[in-house]
Amino acid sequence: MKKVHLSIDDDLYKMIQGYSVGSVPEFIMFAIKDKIKDMKARVHTDKGNFRFIDLFAGIGGMRLGFEAAGGTCVFTSEWDKFAQKTYLSNFGDMPEGDITKIDAKEIPDHEVLLAGFPCQPFSIAGVSKKNSLGRVHGFLDETQGTLFFDVARIIEEKRPKAFLLENVKNLRTHDKGRTFKIIRETLEKLGYNLHVAVLDGKYYVPQHRERIFIVGFDRRFYGGWESFEFPQPTEPPKPIKSILMSEVEDKYTLTPKLWEYLQQYAAKHKANGNGFGFGLVDLNGISRTLSARYYKDGSEILIPQGAGKNPRRLTPRECARLQGYPDTFKIVVSDLQAYKQFGNSVVVPLIEAIAKEMVNTMERYEREGLLLSQKSV
């Protein structure tokens, strides 16, 4: 490794200190790498690769899926500083921050836009919590609900050939369907042909995880001729024991006090006819949905240990595997933050499967669709 000595003024140094999640030299090194990568990405090649942007990127689950399908990421946005740290460590890119302050004109040109815009305003848990606190949800939630319109703003300005949006299943029924109606009408008015499906990640990882996916293709380019189909998995789900570690630290085993509390809590709700309670996993089956609140007590997914030991929660690495991340993916934050990050993430192999279908559709159209549309004239 070569050492390069740089002199920077005090104001710039203070700015870097305020924004960096690591050391100043590390920040500068990654910034330079990021700039070089961006310059390379702007150069067109004849290899058939496509450029995409990663909005509300989290820790990069959607990026991994689209890179596996042959894409190159040219822009990223994520405001959470801990997610930025994980993203930077794994991709060498420092995401831009608050999307509401990003000028769409400054975003590099791209063929595909990705956005897993915040789901809390529309999720069942998010709505229930906000109702109990007397807070608004959906599009009335000015802090998160209206961020969809920033996605629409960028789509309108940059006109990607296609996009993939991801959210919770409840988005479709939130506010008696009015929320989704607004989203659909907004995207269609922008000139995009939509394909919508609720898919379960259980066919790719041992976890029941339903999410809504909205794929759009630009009618100005494809004319509505694209023949897109969501992936149809045929492989049976893998058992959760396939992702478990052979050796786990004792700190992940529930304390006697917590285990007693969870059992009493479940018994209380069972007596009242409710289904609330902990989720003790069948090791030959699949788990419940991993959520961002897993760090609190791990009750939604507990691993039986036998031999008189209390159940344990998943380790952060097991959570990563449960979402389909490779073991090479670096976990550089605390357990608390890691649980939040993987709980908020996507099922990577499912995203990869959707990405490949989108790429196949785009390539098939450019190969055959133009001929079909010309013959119909």
Protein backbone atom coordinates (compact mmCIF):
# COMPACT_ATOMS: atom_id res chain seq x y z
CA MET A 1 0.00 0.00 0.00
CA LYS A 2 1.33 3.42 -1.02
CA LYS A 3 1.17 6.36 1.38
CA VAL A 4 0.11 9.74 0.02
CA HIS A 5 0.37 12.88 2.13
CA LEU A 6 -2.36 15.46 1.58
CA SER A 7 -2.89 18.91 3.02
CA ILE A 8 -6.46 20.10 3.47
CA ASP A 9 -7.76 23.30 5.04
CA ASP A 10 -9.26 23.32 8.52
CA ASP A 11 -12.85 23.92 7.39
CA LEU A 12 -12.81 20.91 5.05
CA TYR A 13 -11.23 18.77 7.77
CA LYS A 14 -14.00 19.71 10.20
CA MET A 15 -16.64 18.95 7.58
CA ILE A 16 -15.20 15.49 6.98
CA GLN A 17 -15.00 14.84 10.73
CA GLY A 18 -18.67 15.75 11.08
CA TYR A 19 -19.81 13.49 8.24
CA SER A 20 -17.41 10.57 8.46
CA VAL A 21 -18.38 7.35 10.25
CA GLY A 22 -14.71 6.32 10.37
CA SER A 23 -11.36 8.07 10.38
CA VAL A 24 -10.66 11.05 8.14
CA PRO A 25 -8.00 9.20 6.04
CA GLU A 26 -10.42 6.29 5.58
CA PHE A 27 -13.16 8.67 4.47
CA ILE A 28 -10.87 10.35 1.93
CA MET A 29 -9.69 6.98 0.57
CA PHE A 30 -13.24 5.74 0.05
CA ALA A 31 -14.28 9.09 -1.44
CA ILE A 32 -11.54 8.79 -4.06
CA LYS A 33 -12.51 5.18 -4.82
CA ASP A 34 -16.12 6.25 -5.10
CA LYS A 35 -15.24 9.05 -7.53
CA ILE A 36 -13.20 6.72 -9.75
CA LYS A 37 -15.98 4.15 -9.72
CA ASP A 38 -18.50 6.82 -10.65
CA MET A 39 -16.35 7.99 -13.55
CA LYS A 40 -16.05 4.43 -14.84
CA ALA A 41 -19.77 3.86 -14.50
CA ARG A 42 -20.59 6.84 -16.68
CA VAL A 43 -18.69 5.36 -19.61
CA HIS A 44 -20.91 3.35 -21.99
CA THR A 45 -19.69 -0.10 -22.94
CA ASP A 46 -20.90 -2.75 -25.40
CA LYS A 47 -21.01 -5.51 -22.79
CA GLY A 48 -24.76 -5.24 -22.25
CA ASN A 49 -24.46 -4.03 -18.64
CA PHE A 50 -26.93 -1.49 -17.31
CA ARG A 51 -26.67 1.31 -14.80
CA PHE A 52 -28.93 1.58 -11.77
CA ILE A 53 -29.42 3.81 -8.75
CA ASP A 54 -30.14 2.58 -5.22
CA LEU A 55 -32.53 4.82 -3.24
CA PHE A 56 -33.40 4.21 0.43
CA ALA A 57 -30.56 1.74 0.05
CA GLY A 58 -30.33 0.48 3.62
CA ILE A 59 -27.31 -1.83 3.66
CA GLY A 60 -27.43 -2.67 -0.03
CA GLY A 61 -29.60 -5.77 -0.37
CA MET A 62 -31.22 -4.58 -3.60
CA ARG A 63 -27.85 -3.54 -4.94
CA LEU A 64 -26.45 -7.04 -4.40
CA GLY A 65 -29.33 -8.52 -6.36
CA PHE A 66 -28.97 -6.18 -9.33
CA GLU A 67 -25.19 -6.43 -9.41
CA ALA A 68 -25.61 -10.20 -9.66
CA ALA A 69 -27.84 -9.57 -12.69
CA GLY A 70 -25.07 -7.59 -14.42
CA GLY A 71 -25.81 -4.04 -13.31
CA THR A 72 -23.52 -1.24 -12.15
CA CYS A 73 -24.62 1.07 -9.34
CA VAL A 74 -23.95 4.74 -10.17
CA PHE A 75 -25.72 6.48 -7.27
CA THR A 76 -26.86 5.64 -3.75
CA SER A 77 -28.99 7.39 -1.15
CA GLU A 78 -29.41 6.38 2.51
CA TRP A 79 -29.75 8.74 5.46
CA ASP A 80 -29.10 6.42 8.45
CA LYS A 81 -25.48 6.83 9.57
CA PHE A 82 -25.14 3.24 10.80
CA ALA A 83 -26.50 1.85 7.53
CA GLN A 84 -24.10 4.19 5.70
CA LYS A 85 -21.22 2.66 7.65
CA THR A 86 -22.23 -0.89 6.68
CA TYR A 87 -22.81 0.16 3.06
CA LEU A 88 -19.46 1.92 2.86
CA SER A 89 -17.62 -1.07 4.32
CA ASN A 90 -19.15 -3.51 1.84
CA PHE A 91 -19.31 -1.49 -1.38
CA GLY A 92 -16.74 1.26 -0.97
CA ASP A 93 -19.42 3.88 -1.66
CA MET A 94 -20.62 6.49 0.81
CA PRO A 95 -24.37 6.97 0.19
CA GLU A 96 -25.80 10.44 -0.22
CA GLY A 97 -27.98 11.51 2.70
CA ASP A 98 -31.46 13.03 2.92
CA ILE A 99 -33.25 12.30 -0.38
CA THR A 100 -35.51 15.33 0.03
CA LYS A 101 -32.43 17.56 -0.35
CA ILE A 102 -31.02 15.80 -3.42
CA ASP A 103 -31.38 17.65 -6.72
CA ALA A 104 -32.65 15.07 -9.23
CA LYS A 105 -30.71 16.80 -12.01
CA GLU A 106 -27.46 15.94 -10.22
CA ILE A 107 -28.19 12.19 -10.20
CA PRO A 108 -26.29 10.28 -12.92
CA ASP A 109 -28.24 8.88 -15.87
CA HIS A 110 -29.34 5.29 -15.38
CA GLU A 111 -31.49 2.57 -16.92
CA VAL A 112 -33.04 1.16 -13.72
CA LEU A 113 -34.16 2.84 -10.49
CA LEU A 114 -34.43 0.87 -7.23
CA ALA A 115 -36.26 2.12 -4.16
CA GLY A 116 -37.36 0.34 -1.00
CA PHE A 117 -39.02 3.48 0.31
CA PRO A 118 -39.88 3.53 4.05
CA CYS A 119 -42.57 1.01 4.94
CA GLN A 120 -43.37 1.99 8.56
CA PRO A 121 -46.17 4.42 7.58
CA PHE A 122 -47.97 1.56 5.79
CA SER A 123 -47.07 -1.59 7.76
CA ILE A 124 -49.60 -3.26 10.06
CA ALA A 125 -47.27 -2.85 13.05
CA GLY A 126 -46.43 0.74 12.13
CA VAL A 127 -50.07 1.74 11.72
CA SER A 128 -51.11 0.05 14.98
CA LYS A 129 -48.31 1.75 16.93
CA LYS A 130 -49.08 5.18 15.50
CA ASN A 131 -52.80 4.75 16.14
CA SER A 132 -52.08 3.90 19.78
CA LEU A 133 -49.93 7.02 20.10
CA GLY A 134 -52.47 9.20 18.31
CA ARG A 135 -50.11 9.81 15.39
CA VAL A 136 -50.88 9.92 11.69
CA HIS A 137 -49.71 7.28 9.22
CA GLY A 138 -49.52 6.68 5.49
CA PHE A 139 -49.16 9.80 3.34
CA LEU A 140 -50.18 11.95 6.32
CA ASP A 141 -46.89 10.97 7.96
CA GLU A 142 -44.80 13.87 6.70
CA THR A 143 -41.52 12.36 7.94
CA GLN A 144 -41.75 9.13 5.97
CA GLY A 145 -45.04 8.64 4.12
CA THR A 146 -44.46 11.39 1.58
CA LEU A 147 -41.00 10.12 0.62
CA PHE A 148 -42.64 8.13 -2.18
CA PHE A 149 -43.14 11.43 -4.00
CA ASP A 150 -39.38 12.01 -3.93
CA VAL A 151 -39.04 8.72 -5.80
CA ALA A 152 -41.64 9.95 -8.29
CA ARG A 153 -39.79 13.28 -8.60
CA ILE A 154 -36.58 11.48 -9.54
CA ILE A 155 -38.36 9.12 -11.96
CA GLU A 156 -39.95 12.09 -13.72
CA GLU A 157 -36.62 13.91 -14.07
CA LYS A 158 -34.35 10.99 -15.02
CA ARG A 159 -36.80 8.78 -16.99
CA PRO A 160 -35.22 5.37 -16.25
CA LYS A 161 -36.27 2.62 -18.64
CA ALA A 162 -37.52 0.61 -15.68
CA PHE A 163 -37.83 0.68 -11.90
CA LEU A 164 -38.39 -1.67 -8.97
CA LEU A 165 -40.14 -0.45 -5.83
CA GLU A 166 -40.48 -2.59 -2.70
CA ASN A 167 -42.66 -2.22 0.37
CA VAL A 168 -44.70 -4.14 2.93
CA LYS A 169 -47.64 -6.28 1.83
CA ASN A 170 -50.03 -4.00 3.71
CA LEU A 171 -49.29 -1.14 1.29
CA ARG A 172 -51.94 -2.54 -1.04
CA THR A 173 -54.75 -2.40 1.54
CA HIS A 174 -53.62 0.58 3.63
CA ASP A 175 -56.34 3.20 4.10
CA LYS A 176 -58.86 0.95 2.29
CA GLY A 177 -56.70 0.87 -0.81
CA ARG A 178 -56.51 4.63 -1.26
CA THR A 179 -52.76 4.82 -0.57
CA PHE A 180 -51.92 2.28 -3.26
CA LYS A 181 -54.37 3.91 -5.68
CA ILE A 182 -52.45 7.18 -5.36
CA ILE A 183 -49.11 5.41 -5.90
CA ARG A 184 -50.39 3.53 -8.97
CA GLU A 185 -51.99 6.62 -10.51
CA THR A 186 -48.87 8.72 -9.89
CA LEU A 187 -46.59 6.21 -11.63
CA GLU A 188 -48.98 5.62 -14.52
CA LYS A 189 -49.35 9.35 -15.10
CA LEU A 190 -45.57 9.53 -15.39
CA GLY A 191 -45.90 7.15 -18.34
CA TYR A 192 -45.00 3.76 -16.88
CA ASN A 193 -46.63 0.37 -17.42
CA LEU A 194 -46.90 -1.39 -14.04
CA HIS A 195 -46.57 -5.00 -12.91
CA VAL A 196 -47.44 -5.64 -9.26
CA ALA A 197 -47.17 -8.76 -7.10
CA VAL A 198 -46.89 -9.83 -3.48
CA LEU A 199 -44.07 -12.38 -3.24
CA ASP A 200 -42.93 -14.56 -0.35
CA GLY A 201 -39.22 -14.89 0.33
CA LYS A 202 -39.70 -18.38 1.78
CA TYR A 203 -38.82 -19.97 -1.56
CA TYR A 204 -35.35 -18.43 -1.40
CA VAL A 205 -34.57 -18.35 2.32
CA PRO A 206 -36.09 -20.21 5.32
CA GLN A 207 -38.30 -17.28 6.34
CA HIS A 208 -41.94 -16.37 5.68
CA ARG A 209 -41.58 -12.84 4.35
CA GLU A 210 -44.24 -11.35 2.08
CA ARG A 211 -43.51 -8.05 0.36
CA ILE A 212 -45.12 -6.10 -2.43
CA PHE A 213 -43.05 -5.41 -5.55
CA ILE A 214 -43.91 -2.80 -8.16
CA VAL A 215 -42.06 -3.09 -11.47
CA GLY A 216 -42.50 -0.33 -14.04
CA PHE A 217 -41.40 -0.01 -17.66
CA ASP A 218 -41.33 3.31 -19.52
CA ARG A 219 -44.15 3.35 -22.11
CA ARG A 220 -42.26 5.98 -24.09
CA PHE A 221 -39.54 3.41 -24.70
CA TYR A 222 -41.31 0.03 -24.55
CA GLY A 223 -44.74 1.17 -25.70
CA GLY A 224 -46.42 -1.29 -23.36
CA TRP A 225 -45.00 -4.20 -25.38
CA GLU A 226 -42.79 -5.60 -22.63
CA SER A 227 -43.67 -9.17 -21.59
CA PHE A 228 -42.60 -9.23 -17.95
CA GLU A 229 -43.40 -12.05 -15.54
CA PHE A 230 -42.40 -12.20 -11.88
CA PRO A 231 -40.19 -15.20 -10.99
CA GLN A 232 -41.98 -18.45 -10.24
CA PRO A 233 -39.79 -20.49 -7.86
CA THR A 234 -40.05 -24.25 -8.01
CA GLU A 235 -37.58 -25.29 -5.32
CA PRO A 236 -39.06 -26.22 -1.90
CA PRO A 237 -38.14 -23.96 1.04
CA LYS A 238 -34.89 -24.75 2.85
CA PRO A 239 -35.12 -25.52 6.59
CA ILE A 240 -33.91 -22.89 9.03
CA LYS A 241 -31.33 -25.31 10.41
CA SER A 242 -29.45 -24.84 7.13
CA ILE A 243 -28.47 -21.29 8.10
CA LEU A 244 -27.60 -21.83 11.76
CA MET A 245 -24.07 -21.54 13.11
CA SER A 246 -22.47 -24.58 14.75
CA GLU A 247 -21.07 -22.58 17.66
CA VAL A 248 -22.85 -19.64 19.26
CA GLU A 249 -21.85 -17.44 22.20
CA ASP A 250 -23.86 -17.83 25.41
CA LYS A 251 -24.89 -14.17 25.28
CA TYR A 252 -27.52 -15.07 22.68
CA THR A 253 -29.26 -17.52 25.04
CA LEU A 254 -32.29 -15.99 26.78
CA THR A 255 -31.88 -15.23 30.45
CA PRO A 256 -34.17 -17.16 32.83
CA LYS A 257 -36.02 -13.92 33.63
CA LEU A 258 -36.68 -13.04 29.97
CA TRP A 259 -37.67 -16.60 29.04
CA GLU A 260 -40.12 -16.73 31.97
CA TYR A 261 -41.60 -13.38 30.95
CA LEU A 262 -42.11 -14.45 27.33
CA GLN A 263 -43.85 -17.67 28.41
CA GLN A 264 -46.15 -15.80 30.79
CA TYR A 265 -46.90 -13.18 28.11
CA ALA A 266 -47.83 -15.88 25.59
CA ALA A 267 -50.00 -17.74 28.12
CA LYS A 268 -51.85 -14.55 29.00
CA HIS A 269 -52.75 -13.79 25.40
CA LYS A 270 -53.64 -17.41 24.66
CA ALA A 271 -56.11 -17.31 27.55
CA ASN A 272 -57.67 -14.20 26.00
CA GLY A 273 -57.95 -15.90 22.63
CA ASN A 274 -55.11 -13.97 21.02
CA GLY A 275 -52.23 -15.40 19.01
CA PHE A 276 -49.53 -13.15 20.39
CA GLY A 277 -46.43 -14.78 21.77
CA PHE A 278 -42.92 -15.96 21.07
CA GLY A 279 -42.02 -17.95 17.97
CA LEU A 280 -40.10 -21.11 18.85
CA VAL A 281 -38.88 -22.35 15.48
CA ASP A 282 -39.18 -25.89 14.12
CA LEU A 283 -35.62 -26.46 12.92
CA ASN A 284 -36.91 -28.44 9.95
CA GLY A 285 -39.30 -25.65 9.01
CA ILE A 286 -39.08 -21.91 8.35
CA SER A 287 -39.26 -18.89 10.63
CA ARG A 288 -41.62 -15.98 11.04
CA THR A 289 -40.75 -12.67 9.41
CA LEU A 290 -37.59 -11.07 10.79
CA SER A 291 -38.34 -7.48 11.81
CA ALA A 292 -36.28 -4.46 12.81
CA ARG A 293 -37.48 -4.89 16.41
CA TYR A 294 -35.72 -8.24 16.74
CA TYR A 295 -33.04 -6.58 18.87
CA LYS A 296 -35.53 -6.02 21.70
CA ASP A 297 -36.03 -9.60 22.86
CA GLY A 298 -35.74 -11.85 19.79
CA SER A 299 -39.13 -13.36 20.62
CA GLU A 300 -40.40 -13.56 17.04
CA ILE A 301 -37.71 -16.10 16.08
CA LEU A 302 -36.29 -18.25 18.89
CA ILE A 303 -34.01 -21.23 18.33
CA PRO A 304 -34.53 -24.27 20.60
CA GLN A 305 -31.29 -25.60 22.07
CA GLY A 306 -32.29 -28.70 24.02
CA ALA A 307 -30.24 -30.18 26.87
CA GLY A 308 -32.14 -28.08 29.41
CA LYS A 309 -30.95 -24.78 27.91
CA ASN A 310 -33.24 -21.86 27.30
CA PRO A 311 -33.92 -20.94 23.65
CA ARG A 312 -31.65 -18.41 22.02
CA ARG A 313 -32.05 -15.60 19.55
CA LEU A 314 -30.39 -15.60 16.15
CA THR A 315 -26.93 -14.10 15.88
CA PRO A 316 -26.47 -11.14 13.49
CA ARG A 317 -24.67 -13.46 11.05
CA GLU A 318 -27.62 -15.85 11.11
CA CYS A 319 -29.95 -12.91 10.47
CA ALA A 320 -27.81 -12.01 7.47
CA ARG A 321 -28.08 -15.58 6.17
CA LEU A 322 -31.84 -15.54 6.81
CA GLN A 323 -32.04 -12.62 4.37
CA GLY A 324 -29.78 -14.32 1.84
CA TYR A 325 -26.60 -12.30 2.39
CA PRO A 326 -23.33 -14.12 1.69
CA ASP A 327 -20.98 -14.78 4.60
CA THR A 328 -18.51 -12.41 2.94
CA PHE A 329 -20.84 -9.52 3.77
CA LYS A 330 -19.19 -7.47 6.51
CA ILE A 331 -21.05 -6.75 9.75
CA VAL A 332 -19.29 -3.67 11.16
CA VAL A 333 -21.87 -2.32 13.61
CA SER A 334 -23.16 -3.37 17.03
CA ASP A 335 -25.55 -6.31 17.40
CA LEU A 336 -28.38 -3.86 18.08
CA GLN A 337 -27.79 -1.98 14.83
CA ALA A 338 -27.16 -5.20 12.89
CA TYR A 339 -30.53 -6.62 13.98
CA LYS A 340 -32.24 -3.42 12.83
CA GLN A 341 -30.40 -3.43 9.51
CA PHE A 342 -31.13 -7.03 8.57
CA GLY A 343 -34.69 -6.76 9.88
CA ASN A 344 -35.28 -3.82 7.55
CA SER A 345 -33.58 -5.46 4.60
CA VAL A 346 -34.80 -7.43 1.60
CA VAL A 347 -34.40 -11.10 0.69
CA VAL A 348 -31.37 -10.80 -1.57
CA PRO A 349 -31.87 -13.90 -3.77
CA LEU A 350 -35.50 -12.89 -4.39
CA ILE A 351 -34.33 -9.46 -5.55
CA GLU A 352 -31.77 -11.15 -7.79
CA ALA A 353 -34.50 -13.32 -9.33
CA ILE A 354 -36.67 -10.26 -10.04
CA ALA A 355 -33.65 -8.39 -11.43
CA LYS A 356 -32.89 -11.19 -13.88
CA GLU A 357 -36.50 -11.25 -15.10
CA MET A 358 -36.40 -7.47 -15.59
CA VAL A 359 -33.11 -7.68 -17.50
CA ASN A 360 -34.44 -10.54 -19.64
CA THR A 361 -37.54 -8.47 -20.44
CA MET A 362 -35.49 -5.43 -21.42
CA GLU A 363 -33.09 -7.44 -23.56
CA ARG A 364 -35.91 -9.44 -25.16
CA TYR A 365 -37.74 -6.26 -26.10
CA GLU A 366 -34.66 -4.64 -27.57
CA ARG A 367 -34.09 -7.85 -29.51
CA GLU A 368 -37.67 -8.61 -30.59
CA GLY A 369 -40.12 -6.00 -29.32
CA LEU A 370 -39.10 -3.23 -31.68
CA LEU A 371 -39.66 -5.56 -34.64
CA LEU A 372 -43.11 -6.51 -33.33
CA SER A 373 -44.13 -2.89 -32.83
CA GLN A 374 -42.92 -1.97 -36.32
CA LYS A 375 -44.90 -4.82 -37.89
CA SER A 376 -48.07 -3.66 -36.10
CA VAL A 377 -47.88 -0.17 -37.60
